[in-house]
């Protein structure tokens, strides 16, 4: 299905972004990774839901930083672009992190990690 293809494309996007970072912020790999990531996200949740996610009123600041960072990377300023993208990413997905930390704390049986994830889950608020 289209969602499975989207997961694969998103995975390749994350791979290219990490590989681009490892190769001292190679702008071509980072740009390709960004485009694959956004394309995969669109395949997973659909174009309309992707658009509505990024352009919600309370997420416009994060969206502008994230998409501005993508544009800066495409203009071959990879370090600045990735810094902007990182800030935008954390701003956009800050409501998702407590859910992810809660899932990881419930699924891990390692005492130190589950305590750490429980603490991280309690510090953020769901927005």
Protein backbone atom coordinates (compact mmCIF):
# COMPACT_ATOMS: atom_id res chain seq x y z
CA UNK A 1 0.00 0.00 0.00
CA UNK A 2 0.94 3.65 -0.21
CA UNK A 3 1.65 3.93 3.52
CA UNK A 4 4.24 1.12 3.34
CA UNK A 5 5.96 2.85 0.44
CA UNK A 6 5.88 6.08 2.47
CA UNK A 7 7.56 4.40 5.44
CA UNK A 8 10.32 3.16 3.12
CA UNK A 9 10.80 6.58 1.53
CA UNK A 10 10.84 8.26 4.95
CA UNK A 11 13.40 5.71 6.16
CA UNK A 12 15.62 6.44 3.18
CA UNK A 13 15.21 10.16 3.89
CA UNK A 14 16.35 9.74 7.49
CA UNK A 15 19.24 7.57 6.27
CA UNK A 16 20.40 10.21 3.78
CA UNK A 17 20.10 12.96 6.40
CA UNK A 18 22.20 10.99 8.89
CA UNK A 19 24.69 10.03 6.18
CA UNK A 20 24.92 13.68 5.09
CA UNK A 21 25.62 14.71 8.68
CA UNK A 22 28.30 12.03 9.01
CA UNK A 23 29.97 13.33 5.85
CA UNK A 24 30.43 16.78 7.39
CA UNK A 25 27.09 18.23 6.36
CA UNK A 26 27.17 17.29 2.70
CA UNK A 27 24.52 19.58 1.22
CA UNK A 28 23.46 17.24 -1.60
CA UNK A 29 22.81 14.29 0.72
CA UNK A 30 21.00 16.49 3.22
CA UNK A 31 18.82 18.07 0.54
CA UNK A 32 17.98 14.66 -0.92
CA UNK A 33 17.21 13.32 2.56
CA UNK A 34 14.93 16.27 3.32
CA UNK A 35 13.00 15.83 0.09
CA UNK A 36 12.62 12.08 0.67
CA UNK A 37 11.51 12.64 4.27
CA UNK A 38 8.81 15.12 3.31
CA UNK A 39 7.67 12.97 0.38
CA UNK A 40 7.48 9.88 2.59
CA UNK A 41 5.52 11.76 5.22
CA UNK A 42 3.06 12.83 2.54
CA UNK A 43 2.65 9.21 1.41
CA UNK A 44 2.11 7.98 4.97
CA UNK A 45 -0.57 10.41 6.11
CA UNK A 46 -1.71 11.93 2.81
CA UNK A 47 -1.18 15.31 1.21
CA UNK A 48 -4.16 17.03 2.84
CA UNK A 49 -3.30 15.85 6.36
CA UNK A 50 0.38 16.71 5.85
CA UNK A 51 -0.56 20.22 4.75
CA UNK A 52 -3.01 20.66 7.63
CA UNK A 53 -0.39 19.38 10.11
CA UNK A 54 2.30 21.80 9.01
CA UNK A 55 0.04 24.82 8.63
CA UNK A 56 -1.93 24.75 11.86
CA UNK A 57 -1.99 28.18 13.46
CA UNK A 58 -0.07 27.17 16.59
CA UNK A 59 2.58 25.31 14.53
CA UNK A 60 3.41 28.05 12.03
CA UNK A 61 6.59 29.05 13.89
CA UNK A 62 7.94 25.51 13.84
CA UNK A 63 6.85 25.04 10.23
CA UNK A 64 8.59 28.21 9.12
CA UNK A 65 11.82 27.18 10.82
CA UNK A 66 11.64 23.62 9.47
CA UNK A 67 10.75 24.48 5.87
CA UNK A 68 13.07 27.51 5.97
CA UNK A 69 15.86 25.16 7.05
CA UNK A 70 15.04 22.85 4.14
CA UNK A 71 15.24 25.82 1.77
CA UNK A 72 18.56 26.95 3.28
CA UNK A 73 19.97 23.43 2.83
CA UNK A 74 18.80 23.44 -0.79
CA UNK A 75 20.65 26.75 -1.21
CA UNK A 76 23.82 24.96 -0.02
CA UNK A 77 24.13 26.38 3.50
CA UNK A 78 23.87 22.98 5.20
CA UNK A 79 24.97 23.76 8.76
CA UNK A 80 22.68 26.76 9.19
CA UNK A 81 19.84 24.93 7.44
CA UNK A 82 20.14 21.87 9.68
CA UNK A 83 20.18 24.05 12.81
CA UNK A 84 16.98 25.76 11.68
CA UNK A 85 15.43 22.42 10.75
CA UNK A 86 16.29 20.90 14.12
CA UNK A 87 14.67 23.76 16.00
CA UNK A 88 11.61 23.56 13.75
CA UNK A 89 11.41 19.77 14.11
CA UNK A 90 11.44 19.93 17.91
CA UNK A 91 8.92 22.76 17.85
CA UNK A 92 6.59 20.85 15.52
CA UNK A 93 6.77 17.48 17.27
CA UNK A 94 7.03 18.58 20.91
CA UNK A 95 3.58 17.16 21.62
CA UNK A 96 4.63 13.76 20.28
CA UNK A 97 7.75 13.30 22.45
CA UNK A 98 5.92 12.54 25.75
CA UNK A 99 3.88 9.86 23.95
CA UNK A 100 7.05 8.33 22.46
CA UNK A 101 8.87 8.41 25.80
CA UNK A 102 5.86 6.80 27.50
CA UNK A 103 5.81 4.03 24.91
CA UNK A 104 9.56 3.44 25.28
CA UNK A 105 9.34 3.36 29.08
CA UNK A 106 6.53 0.80 28.94
CA UNK A 107 8.31 -1.36 26.40
CA UNK A 108 11.78 -1.38 27.97
CA UNK A 109 12.58 -3.60 30.92
CA UNK A 110 15.89 -1.92 31.72
CA UNK A 111 15.42 -0.18 35.11
CA UNK A 112 17.57 2.90 34.43
CA UNK A 113 16.12 3.55 30.98
CA UNK A 114 12.50 3.10 32.04
CA UNK A 115 13.02 5.52 34.95
CA UNK A 116 14.66 8.04 32.59
CA UNK A 117 11.84 7.75 30.05
CA UNK A 118 9.23 8.13 32.81
CA UNK A 119 10.96 11.30 33.96
CA UNK A 120 11.16 12.67 30.41
CA UNK A 121 7.52 11.79 29.83
CA UNK A 122 6.44 13.78 32.88
CA UNK A 123 8.37 16.98 32.05
CA UNK A 124 6.64 17.84 28.77
CA UNK A 125 3.01 18.75 28.27
CA UNK A 126 0.80 17.44 25.50
CA UNK A 127 0.04 20.24 23.05
